[in-house]
Amino acid sequence: TCNCSRCQRLGWVLTFVPKAAFTLTKDGPVTEYRF
């Protein structure tokens, strides 16, 4: 968990994986946000 301004607001519980361990199975539209 993280208390940065974004994670705190979202209530994220995160796990980090190498990109090779992640596959989109339904690639609908997404909006990107960077801060």
Full PDB file with SEQRES, HELIX, SHEET, SSBOND, CRYST1, ORIGX, SCALE, CONECT and MASTER records, all heavy atoms in Angstrom:
SEQRES   1 A   35  THR CYS ASN CYS SER ARG CYS GLN ARG LEU GLY TRP VAL          
SEQRES   2 A   35  LEU THR PHE VAL PRO LYS ALA ALA PHE THR LEU THR LYS          
SEQRES   3 A   35  ASP GLY PRO VAL THR GLU TYR ARG PHE                          
HELIX    1 AA1 SER A    5  LEU A   10  1                                   6    
HELIX    2 AA2 LYS A   19  ALA A   21  5                                   3    
CRYST1    1.000    1.000    1.000  90.00  90.00  90.00 P 1           1          
ORIGX1      1.000000  0.000000  0.000000        0.00000                         
ORIGX2      0.000000  1.000000  0.000000        0.00000                         
ORIGX3      0.000000  0.000000  1.000000        0.00000                         
SCALE1      1.000000  0.000000  0.000000        0.00000                         
SCALE2      0.000000  1.000000  0.000000        0.00000                         
SCALE3      0.000000  0.000000  1.000000        0.00000                         
ATOM      1  N   THR A   1       0.876  -1.161   0.000  1.00  0.00           N  
ATOM      2  CA  THR A   1       0.000   0.000   0.000  1.00  0.00           C  
ATOM      3  C   THR A   1       0.918   1.217   0.000  1.00  0.00           C  
ATOM      4  O   THR A   1       2.080   1.127   0.381  1.00  0.00           O  
ATOM      5  CB  THR A   1      -0.923   0.049   1.235  1.00  0.00           C  
ATOM      6  OG1 THR A   1      -0.124   0.061   2.419  1.00  0.00           O  
ATOM      7  CG2 THR A   1      -1.879  -1.129   1.252  1.00  0.00           C  
ATOM      8  N   CYS A   2       0.380   2.344  -0.415  1.00  0.00           N  
ATOM      9  CA  CYS A   2       1.183   3.549  -0.542  1.00  0.00           C  
ATOM     10  C   CYS A   2       0.337   4.748  -0.137  1.00  0.00           C  
ATOM     11  O   CYS A   2      -0.883   4.746  -0.341  1.00  0.00           O  
ATOM     12  CB  CYS A   2       1.652   3.677  -1.993  1.00  0.00           C  
ATOM     13  SG  CYS A   2       2.534   5.195  -2.387  1.00  0.00           S  
ATOM     14  N   ASN A   3       0.984   5.757   0.408  1.00  0.00           N  
ATOM     15  CA  ASN A   3       0.255   6.951   0.827  1.00  0.00           C  
ATOM     16  C   ASN A   3       0.534   8.154  -0.067  1.00  0.00           C  
ATOM     17  O   ASN A   3       0.314   9.295   0.339  1.00  0.00           O  
ATOM     18  CB  ASN A   3       0.564   7.287   2.288  1.00  0.00           C  
ATOM     19  CG  ASN A   3       2.018   7.653   2.505  1.00  0.00           C  
ATOM     20  OD1 ASN A   3       2.851   7.520   1.616  1.00  0.00           O  
ATOM     21  ND2 ASN A   3       2.339   8.092   3.715  1.00  0.00           N  
ATOM     22  N   CYS A   4       1.001   7.924  -1.303  1.00  0.00           N  
ATOM     23  CA  CYS A   4       1.186   9.052  -2.217  1.00  0.00           C  
ATOM     24  C   CYS A   4      -0.192   9.637  -2.536  1.00  0.00           C  
ATOM     25  O   CYS A   4      -1.228   9.046  -2.223  1.00  0.00           O  
ATOM     26  CB  CYS A   4       1.907   8.632  -3.501  1.00  0.00           C  
ATOM     27  SG  CYS A   4       0.890   7.729  -4.696  1.00  0.00           S  
ATOM     28  N   SER A   5      -0.198  10.799  -3.154  1.00  0.00           N  
ATOM     29  CA  SER A   5      -1.469  11.495  -3.379  1.00  0.00           C  
ATOM     30  C   SER A   5      -2.454  10.686  -4.206  1.00  0.00           C  
ATOM     31  O   SER A   5      -3.661  10.785  -4.011  1.00  0.00           O  
ATOM     32  CB  SER A   5      -1.217  12.847  -4.045  1.00  0.00           C  
ATOM     33  OG  SER A   5      -0.598  12.682  -5.313  1.00  0.00           O  
ATOM     34  N   ARG A   6      -1.981   9.850  -5.110  1.00  0.00           N  
ATOM     35  CA  ARG A   6      -2.887   9.048  -5.943  1.00  0.00           C  
ATOM     36  C   ARG A   6      -3.338   7.770  -5.216  1.00  0.00           C  
ATOM     37  O   ARG A   6      -4.518   7.495  -5.118  1.00  0.00           O  
ATOM     38  CB  ARG A   6      -2.225   8.692  -7.264  1.00  0.00           C  
ATOM     39  CG  ARG A   6      -3.170   7.920  -8.192  1.00  0.00           C  
ATOM     40  CD  ARG A   6      -2.851   8.156  -9.634  1.00  0.00           C  
ATOM     41  NE  ARG A   6      -3.793   7.465 -10.482  1.00  0.00           N  
ATOM     42  CZ  ARG A   6      -4.937   7.978 -10.904  1.00  0.00           C  
ATOM     43  NH1 ARG A   6      -5.282   9.189 -10.534  1.00  0.00           N  
ATOM     44  NH2 ARG A   6      -5.730   7.293 -11.696  1.00  0.00           N  
ATOM     45  N   CYS A   7      -2.391   6.994  -4.735  1.00  0.00           N  
ATOM     46  CA  CYS A   7      -2.729   5.720  -4.075  1.00  0.00           C  
ATOM     47  C   CYS A   7      -3.618   5.928  -2.860  1.00  0.00           C  
ATOM     48  O   CYS A   7      -4.535   5.152  -2.608  1.00  0.00           O  
ATOM     49  CB  CYS A   7      -1.461   4.973  -3.679  1.00  0.00           C  
ATOM     50  SG  CYS A   7      -0.489   4.367  -5.073  1.00  0.00           S  
ATOM     51  N   GLN A   8      -3.341   6.972  -2.091  1.00  0.00           N  
ATOM     52  CA  GLN A   8      -4.140   7.270  -0.902  1.00  0.00           C  
ATOM     53  C   GLN A   8      -5.604   7.478  -1.280  1.00  0.00           C  
ATOM     54  O   GLN A   8      -6.506   6.958  -0.649  1.00  0.00           O  
ATOM     55  CB  GLN A   8      -3.589   8.515  -0.200  1.00  0.00           C  
ATOM     56  CG  GLN A   8      -4.320   8.875   1.072  1.00  0.00           C  
ATOM     57  CD  GLN A   8      -4.004   7.922   2.208  1.00  0.00           C  
ATOM     58  OE1 GLN A   8      -2.932   7.333   2.259  1.00  0.00           O  
ATOM     59  NE2 GLN A   8      -4.922   7.770   3.116  1.00  0.00           N  
ATOM     60  N   ARG A   9      -5.836   8.248  -2.332  1.00  0.00           N  
ATOM     61  CA  ARG A   9      -7.210   8.535  -2.761  1.00  0.00           C  
ATOM     62  C   ARG A   9      -7.907   7.310  -3.349  1.00  0.00           C  
ATOM     63  O   ARG A   9      -9.106   7.146  -3.202  1.00  0.00           O  
ATOM     64  CB  ARG A   9      -7.212   9.671  -3.775  1.00  0.00           C  
ATOM     65  CG  ARG A   9      -6.968  11.020  -3.123  1.00  0.00           C  
ATOM     66  CD  ARG A   9      -6.737  12.107  -4.180  1.00  0.00           C  
ATOM     67  NE  ARG A   9      -6.657  13.427  -3.591  1.00  0.00           N  
ATOM     68  CZ  ARG A   9      -5.581  13.936  -3.006  1.00  0.00           C  
ATOM     69  NH1 ARG A   9      -4.472  13.196  -2.910  1.00  0.00           N  
ATOM     70  NH2 ARG A   9      -5.598  15.145  -2.510  1.00  0.00           N  
ATOM     71  N   LEU A  10      -7.131   6.462  -4.042  1.00  0.00           N  
ATOM     72  CA  LEU A  10      -7.726   5.287  -4.679  1.00  0.00           C  
ATOM     73  C   LEU A  10      -7.874   4.097  -3.736  1.00  0.00           C  
ATOM     74  O   LEU A  10      -8.630   3.177  -4.029  1.00  0.00           O  
ATOM     75  CB  LEU A  10      -6.886   4.867  -5.893  1.00  0.00           C  
ATOM     76  CG  LEU A  10      -6.931   5.819  -7.082  1.00  0.00           C  
ATOM     77  CD1 LEU A  10      -5.912   5.395  -8.135  1.00  0.00           C  
ATOM     78  CD2 LEU A  10      -8.319   5.847  -7.687  1.00  0.00           C  
ATOM     79  N   GLY A  11      -7.131   4.090  -2.637  1.00  0.00           N  
ATOM     80  CA  GLY A  11      -7.172   2.944  -1.736  1.00  0.00           C  
ATOM     81  C   GLY A  11      -6.549   1.704  -2.342  1.00  0.00           C  
ATOM     82  O   GLY A  11      -6.947   0.583  -2.057  1.00  0.00           O  
ATOM     83  N   TRP A  12      -5.556   1.918  -3.165  1.00  0.00           N  
ATOM     84  CA  TRP A  12      -4.899   0.815  -3.860  1.00  0.00           C  
ATOM     85  C   TRP A  12      -4.243  -0.171  -2.907  1.00  0.00           C  
ATOM     86  O   TRP A  12      -3.657   0.207  -1.897  1.00  0.00           O  
ATOM     87  CB  TRP A  12      -3.776   1.360  -4.738  1.00  0.00           C  
ATOM     88  CG  TRP A  12      -4.146   1.795  -6.106  1.00  0.00           C  
ATOM     89  CD1 TRP A  12      -5.052   2.746  -6.440  1.00  0.00           C  
ATOM     90  CD2 TRP A  12      -3.579   1.339  -7.319  1.00  0.00           C  
ATOM     91  NE1 TRP A  12      -5.076   2.911  -7.793  1.00  0.00           N  
ATOM     92  CE2 TRP A  12      -4.170   2.052  -8.351  1.00  0.00           C  
ATOM     93  CE3 TRP A  12      -2.607   0.399  -7.637  1.00  0.00           C  
ATOM     94  CZ2 TRP A  12      -3.847   1.851  -9.688  1.00  0.00           C  
ATOM     95  CZ3 TRP A  12      -2.289   0.208  -8.960  1.00  0.00           C  
ATOM     96  CH2 TRP A  12      -2.909   0.915  -9.973  1.00  0.00           C  
ATOM     97  N   VAL A  13      -4.315  -1.435  -3.257  1.00  0.00           N  
ATOM     98  CA  VAL A  13      -3.425  -2.478  -2.772  1.00  0.00           C  
ATOM     99  C   VAL A  13      -2.749  -2.947  -4.047  1.00  0.00           C  
ATOM    100  O   VAL A  13      -3.422  -3.349  -4.999  1.00  0.00           O  
ATOM    101  CB  VAL A  13      -4.179  -3.628  -2.076  1.00  0.00           C  
ATOM    102  CG1 VAL A  13      -3.211  -4.728  -1.678  1.00  0.00           C  
ATOM    103  CG2 VAL A  13      -4.948  -3.108  -0.870  1.00  0.00           C  
ATOM    104  N   LEU A  14      -1.440  -2.847  -4.107  1.00  0.00           N  
ATOM    105  CA  LEU A  14      -0.695  -3.088  -5.337  1.00  0.00           C  
ATOM    106  C   LEU A  14       0.179  -4.314  -5.254  1.00  0.00           C  
ATOM    107  O   LEU A  14       0.687  -4.660  -4.185  1.00  0.00           O  
ATOM    108  CB  LEU A  14       0.239  -1.902  -5.626  1.00  0.00           C  
ATOM    109  CG  LEU A  14      -0.389  -0.558  -5.823  1.00  0.00           C  
ATOM    110  CD1 LEU A  14       0.657   0.531  -5.695  1.00  0.00           C  
ATOM    111  CD2 LEU A  14      -1.041  -0.503  -7.178  1.00  0.00           C  
ATOM    112  N   THR A  15       0.378  -4.932  -6.400  1.00  0.00           N  
ATOM    113  CA  THR A  15       1.447  -5.896  -6.546  1.00  0.00           C  
ATOM    114  C   THR A  15       2.145  -5.564  -7.849  1.00  0.00           C  
ATOM    115  O   THR A  15       1.498  -5.144  -8.814  1.00  0.00           O  
ATOM    116  CB  THR A  15       0.951  -7.355  -6.514  1.00  0.00           C  
ATOM    117  OG1 THR A  15       2.082  -8.228  -6.412  1.00  0.00           O  
ATOM    118  CG2 THR A  15       0.105  -7.717  -7.707  1.00  0.00           C  
ATOM    119  N   PHE A  16       3.452  -5.671  -7.853  1.00  0.00           N  
ATOM    120  CA  PHE A  16       4.243  -5.330  -9.025  1.00  0.00           C  
ATOM    121  C   PHE A  16       4.736  -6.609  -9.681  1.00  0.00           C  
ATOM    122  O   PHE A  16       5.231  -7.507  -9.005  1.00  0.00           O  
ATOM    123  CB  PHE A  16       5.425  -4.444  -8.633  1.00  0.00           C  
ATOM    124  CG  PHE A  16       4.993  -3.098  -8.133  1.00  0.00           C  
ATOM    125  CD1 PHE A  16       4.703  -2.899  -6.791  1.00  0.00           C  
ATOM    126  CD2 PHE A  16       4.859  -2.032  -9.009  1.00  0.00           C  
ATOM    127  CE1 PHE A  16       4.292  -1.662  -6.326  1.00  0.00           C  
ATOM    128  CE2 PHE A  16       4.442  -0.787  -8.551  1.00  0.00           C  
ATOM    129  CZ  PHE A  16       4.164  -0.605  -7.210  1.00  0.00           C  
ATOM    130  N   VAL A  17       4.595  -6.664 -11.008  1.00  0.00           N  
ATOM    131  CA  VAL A  17       5.019  -7.841 -11.763  1.00  0.00           C  
ATOM    132  C   VAL A  17       5.797  -7.394 -12.995  1.00  0.00           C  
ATOM    133  O   VAL A  17       5.573  -6.292 -13.511  1.00  0.00           O  
ATOM    134  CB  VAL A  17       3.814  -8.718 -12.198  1.00  0.00           C  
ATOM    135  CG1 VAL A  17       3.038  -9.221 -10.985  1.00  0.00           C  
ATOM    136  CG2 VAL A  17       2.905  -7.988 -13.159  1.00  0.00           C  
ATOM    137  N   PRO A  18       6.687  -8.247 -13.492  1.00  0.00           N  
ATOM    138  CA  PRO A  18       7.331  -7.947 -14.773  1.00  0.00           C  
ATOM    139  C   PRO A  18       6.263  -7.893 -15.869  1.00  0.00           C  
ATOM    140  O   PRO A  18       5.247  -8.603 -15.804  1.00  0.00           O  
ATOM    141  CB  PRO A  18       8.276  -9.122 -15.000  1.00  0.00           C  
ATOM    142  CG  PRO A  18       8.402  -9.793 -13.677  1.00  0.00           C  
ATOM    143  CD  PRO A  18       7.154  -9.501 -12.916  1.00  0.00           C  
ATOM    144  N   LYS A  19       6.469  -7.062 -16.862  1.00  0.00           N  
ATOM    145  CA  LYS A  19       5.476  -6.915 -17.933  1.00  0.00           C  
ATOM    146  C   LYS A  19       5.168  -8.253 -18.606  1.00  0.00           C  
ATOM    147  O   LYS A  19       4.043  -8.493 -19.029  1.00  0.00           O  
ATOM    148  CB  LYS A  19       5.944  -5.888 -18.959  1.00  0.00           C  
ATOM    149  CG  LYS A  19       4.842  -5.481 -19.905  1.00  0.00           C  
ATOM    150  CD  LYS A  19       5.205  -4.292 -20.734  1.00  0.00           C  
ATOM    151  CE  LYS A  19       4.026  -3.921 -21.619  1.00  0.00           C  
ATOM    152  NZ  LYS A  19       4.343  -2.793 -22.484  1.00  0.00           N  
ATOM    153  N   ALA A  20       6.146  -9.156 -18.669  1.00  0.00           N  
ATOM    154  CA  ALA A  20       5.950 -10.462 -19.297  1.00  0.00           C  
ATOM    155  C   ALA A  20       4.943 -11.329 -18.534  1.00  0.00           C  
ATOM    156  O   ALA A  20       4.396 -12.283 -19.088  1.00  0.00           O  
ATOM    157  CB  ALA A  20       7.278 -11.196 -19.419  1.00  0.00           C  
ATOM    158  N   ALA A  21       4.672 -11.010 -17.258  1.00  0.00           N  
ATOM    159  CA  ALA A  21       3.733 -11.785 -16.445  1.00  0.00           C  
ATOM    160  C   ALA A  21       2.305 -11.250 -16.547  1.00  0.00           C  
ATOM    161  O   ALA A  21       1.405 -11.765 -15.894  1.00  0.00           O  
ATOM    162  CB  ALA A  21       4.174 -11.787 -14.987  1.00  0.00           C  
ATOM    163  N   PHE A  22       2.088 -10.236 -17.376  1.00  0.00           N  
ATOM    164  CA  PHE A  22       0.799  -9.552 -17.490  1.00  0.00           C  
ATOM    165  C   PHE A  22       0.342  -9.578 -18.939  1.00  0.00           C  
ATOM    166  O   PHE A  22       1.101  -9.238 -19.841  1.00  0.00           O  
ATOM    167  CB  PHE A  22       0.971  -8.095 -17.040  1.00  0.00           C  
ATOM    168  CG  PHE A  22      -0.257  -7.253 -17.138  1.00  0.00           C  
ATOM    169  CD1 PHE A  22      -1.164  -7.197 -16.094  1.00  0.00           C  
ATOM    170  CD2 PHE A  22      -0.500  -6.490 -18.272  1.00  0.00           C  
ATOM    171  CE1 PHE A  22      -2.295  -6.393 -16.184  1.00  0.00           C  
ATOM    172  CE2 PHE A  22      -1.613  -5.684 -18.371  1.00  0.00           C  
ATOM    173  CZ  PHE A  22      -2.523  -5.644 -17.320  1.00  0.00           C  
ATOM    174  N   THR A  23      -0.921  -9.995 -19.169  1.00  0.00           N  
ATOM    175  CA  THR A  23      -1.474 -10.033 -20.520  1.00  0.00           C  
ATOM    176  C   THR A  23      -2.871  -9.449 -20.529  1.00  0.00           C  
ATOM    177  O   THR A  23      -3.733  -9.883 -19.755  1.00  0.00           O  
ATOM    178  CB  THR A  23      -1.551 -11.492 -21.047  1.00  0.00           C  
ATOM    179  OG1 THR A  23      -0.257 -12.079 -20.984  1.00  0.00           O  
ATOM    180  CG2 THR A  23      -2.072 -11.539 -22.468  1.00  0.00           C  
ATOM    181  N   LEU A  24      -3.093  -8.465 -21.386  1.00  0.00           N  
ATOM    182  CA  LEU A  24      -4.450  -7.948 -21.578  1.00  0.00           C  
ATOM    183  C   LEU A  24      -5.247  -8.976 -22.358  1.00  0.00           C  
ATOM    184  O   LEU A  24      -4.797  -9.466 -23.392  1.00  0.00           O  
ATOM    185  CB  LEU A  24      -4.415  -6.628 -22.354  1.00  0.00           C  
ATOM    186  CG  LEU A  24      -3.999  -5.410 -21.583  1.00  0.00           C  
ATOM    187  CD1 LEU A  24      -3.819  -4.212 -22.514  1.00  0.00           C  
ATOM    188  CD2 LEU A  24      -5.030  -5.071 -20.517  1.00  0.00           C  
ATOM    189  N   THR A  25      -6.425  -9.334 -21.859  1.00  0.00           N  
ATOM    190  CA  THR A  25      -7.296 -10.269 -22.575  1.00  0.00           C  
ATOM    191  C   THR A  25      -8.475  -9.550 -23.216  1.00  0.00           C  
ATOM    192  O   THR A  25      -9.123 -10.094 -24.099  1.00  0.00           O  
ATOM    193  CB  THR A  25      -7.816 -11.374 -21.628  1.00  0.00           C  
ATOM    194  OG1 THR A  25      -8.491 -10.765 -20.523  1.00  0.00           O  
ATOM    195  CG2 THR A  25      -6.663 -12.242 -21.132  1.00  0.00           C  
ATOM    196  N   LYS A  26      -8.745  -8.352 -22.735  1.00  0.00           N  
ATOM    197  CA  LYS A  26      -9.775  -7.502 -23.330  1.00  0.00           C  
ATOM    198  C   LYS A  26      -9.232  -6.084 -23.293  1.00  0.00           C  
ATOM    199  O   LYS A  26      -9.134  -5.478 -22.233  1.00  0.00           O  
ATOM    200  CB  LYS A  26     -11.094  -7.620 -22.578  1.00  0.00           C  
ATOM    201  CG  LYS A  26     -12.248  -7.009 -23.329  1.00  0.00           C  
ATOM    202  CD  LYS A  26     -13.573  -7.456 -22.756  1.00  0.00           C  
ATOM    203  CE  LYS A  26     -14.692  -6.856 -23.579  1.00  0.00           C  
ATOM    204  NZ  LYS A  26     -15.970  -7.049 -22.921  1.00  0.00           N  
ATOM    205  N   ASP A  27      -8.855  -5.605 -24.445  1.00  0.00           N  
ATOM    206  CA  ASP A  27      -8.145  -4.334 -24.559  1.00  0.00           C  
ATOM    207  C   ASP A  27      -9.109  -3.218 -24.946  1.00  0.00           C  
ATOM    208  O   ASP A  27      -9.034  -2.656 -26.026  1.00  0.00           O  
ATOM    209  CB  ASP A  27      -7.029  -4.477 -25.594  1.00  0.00           C  
ATOM    210  CG  ASP A  27      -6.033  -3.344 -25.547  1.00  0.00           C  
ATOM    211  OD1 ASP A  27      -6.139  -2.503 -24.645  1.00  0.00           O  
ATOM    212  OD2 ASP A  27      -5.151  -3.312 -26.420  1.00  0.00           O  
ATOM    213  N   GLY A  28     -10.018  -2.909 -24.019  1.00  0.00           N  
ATOM    214  CA  GLY A  28     -10.962  -1.831 -24.256  1.00  0.00           C  
ATOM    215  C   GLY A  28     -10.262  -0.496 -24.187  1.00  0.00           C  
ATOM    216  O   GLY A  28      -9.058  -0.418 -23.948  1.00  0.00           O  
ATOM    217  N   PRO A  29     -10.988   0.567 -24.364  1.00  0.00           N  
ATOM    218  CA  PRO A  29     -10.349   1.879 -24.310  1.00  0.00           C  
ATOM    219  C   PRO A  29      -9.846   2.175 -22.902  1.00  0.00           C  
ATOM    220  O   PRO A  29     -10.442   1.742 -21.921  1.00  0.00           O  
ATOM    221  CB  PRO A  29     -11.476   2.841 -24.688  1.00  0.00           C  
ATOM    222  CG  PRO A  29     -12.728   2.126 -24.293  1.00  0.00           C  
ATOM    223  CD  PRO A  29     -12.440   0.657 -24.518  1.00  0.00           C  
ATOM    224  N   VAL A  30      -8.731   2.846 -22.824  1.00  0.00           N  
ATOM    225  CA  VAL A  30      -8.204   3.313 -21.545  1.00  0.00           C  
ATOM    226  C   VAL A  30      -7.796   4.768 -21.691  1.00  0.00           C  
ATOM    227  O   VAL A  30      -7.489   5.239 -22.786  1.00  0.00           O  
ATOM    228  CB  VAL A  30      -7.002   2.481 -21.033  1.00  0.00           C  
ATOM    229  CG1 VAL A  30      -7.399   1.076 -20.668  1.00  0.00           C  
ATOM    230  CG2 VAL A  30      -5.872   2.491 -22.028  1.00  0.00           C  
ATOM    231  N   THR A  31      -7.819   5.465 -20.595  1.00  0.00           N  
ATOM    232  CA  THR A  31      -7.327   6.824 -20.532  1.00  0.00           C  
ATOM    233  C   THR A  31      -6.062   6.807 -19.692  1.00  0.00           C  
ATOM    234  O   THR A  31      -5.996   6.113 -18.681  1.00  0.00           O  
ATOM    235  CB  THR A  31      -8.385   7.757 -19.902  1.00  0.00           C  
ATOM    236  OG1 THR A  31      -9.554   7.715 -20.713  1.00  0.00           O  
ATOM    237  CG2 THR A  31      -7.883   9.177 -19.813  1.00  0.00           C  
ATOM    238  N   GLU A  32      -5.067   7.547 -20.140  1.00  0.00           N  
ATOM    239  CA  GLU A  32      -3.792   7.575 -19.426  1.00  0.00           C  
ATOM    240  C   GLU A  32      -3.709   8.825 -18.556  1.00  0.00           C  
ATOM    241  O   GLU A  32      -4.139   9.904 -18.955  1.00  0.00           O  
ATOM    242  CB  GLU A  32      -2.637   7.579 -20.415  1.00  0.00           C  
ATOM    243  CG  GLU A  32      -1.290   7.633 -19.732  1.00  0.00           C  
ATOM    244  CD  GLU A  32      -0.145   7.788 -20.711  1.00  0.00           C  
ATOM    245  OE1 GLU A  32      -0.237   8.633 -21.628  1.00  0.00           O  
ATOM    246  OE2 GLU A  32       0.843   7.064 -20.542  1.00  0.00           O  
ATOM    247  N   TYR A  33      -3.127   8.646 -17.370  1.00  0.00           N  
ATOM    248  CA  TYR A  33      -2.869   9.763 -16.482  1.00  0.00           C  
ATOM    249  C   TYR A  33      -1.452   9.639 -15.959  1.00  0.00           C  
ATOM    250  O   TYR A  33      -1.031   8.578 -15.518  1.00  0.00           O  
ATOM    251  CB  TYR A  33      -3.861   9.765 -15.307  1.00  0.00           C  
ATOM    252  CG  TYR A  33      -3.604  10.849 -14.306  1.00  0.00           C  
ATOM    253  CD1 TYR A  33      -3.749  12.184 -14.649  1.00  0.00           C  
ATOM    254  CD2 TYR A  33      -3.200  10.555 -13.016  1.00  0.00           C  
ATOM    255  CE1 TYR A  33      -3.506  13.199 -13.731  1.00  0.00           C  
ATOM    256  CE2 TYR A  33      -2.963  11.552 -12.081  1.00  0.00           C  
ATOM    257  CZ  TYR A  33      -3.112  12.877 -12.450  1.00  0.00           C  
ATOM    258  OH  TYR A  33      -2.870  13.876 -11.538  1.00  0.00           O  
ATOM    259  N   ARG A  34      -0.689  10.726 -16.031  1.00  0.00           N  
ATOM    260  CA  ARG A  34       0.669  10.781 -15.492  1.00  0.00           C  
ATOM    261  C   ARG A  34       0.749  11.971 -14.558  1.00  0.00           C  
ATOM    262  O   ARG A  34       0.162  13.008 -14.826  1.00  0.00           O  
ATOM    263  CB  ARG A  34       1.702  10.924 -16.600  1.00  0.00           C  
ATOM    264  CG  ARG A  34       1.823   9.676 -17.464  1.00  0.00           C  
ATOM    265  CD  ARG A  34       2.849   9.893 -18.563  1.00  0.00           C  
ATOM    266  NE  ARG A  34       2.950   8.723 -19.398  1.00  0.00           N  
ATOM    267  CZ  ARG A  34       3.942   7.839 -19.347  1.00  0.00           C  
ATOM    268  NH1 ARG A  34       4.938   8.001 -18.494  1.00  0.00           N  
ATOM    269  NH2 ARG A  34       3.964   6.799 -20.146  1.00  0.00           N  
ATOM    270  N   PHE A  35       1.472  11.819 -13.455  1.00  0.00           N  
ATOM    271  CA  PHE A  35       1.635  12.933 -12.528  1.00  0.00           C  
ATOM    272  C   PHE A  35       3.022  12.880 -11.910  1.00  0.00           C  
ATOM    273  O   PHE A  35       3.799  11.969 -12.186  1.00  0.00           O  
ATOM    274  CB  PHE A  35       0.532  12.922 -11.451  1.00  0.00           C  
ATOM    275  CG  PHE A  35       0.689  11.861 -10.390  1.00  0.00           C  
ATOM    276  CD1 PHE A  35       1.126  12.193  -9.128  1.00  0.00           C  
ATOM    277  CD2 PHE A  35       0.386  10.542 -10.659  1.00  0.00           C  
ATOM    278  CE1 PHE A  35       1.263  11.224  -8.145  1.00  0.00           C  
ATOM    279  CE2 PHE A  35       0.523   9.567  -9.690  1.00  0.00           C  
ATOM    280  CZ  PHE A  35       0.959   9.912  -8.430  1.00  0.00           C  
TER     281      PHE A  35                                                      
MASTER        0    0    0    2    0    0    0    6  280    1    0    3          
END                                                                             
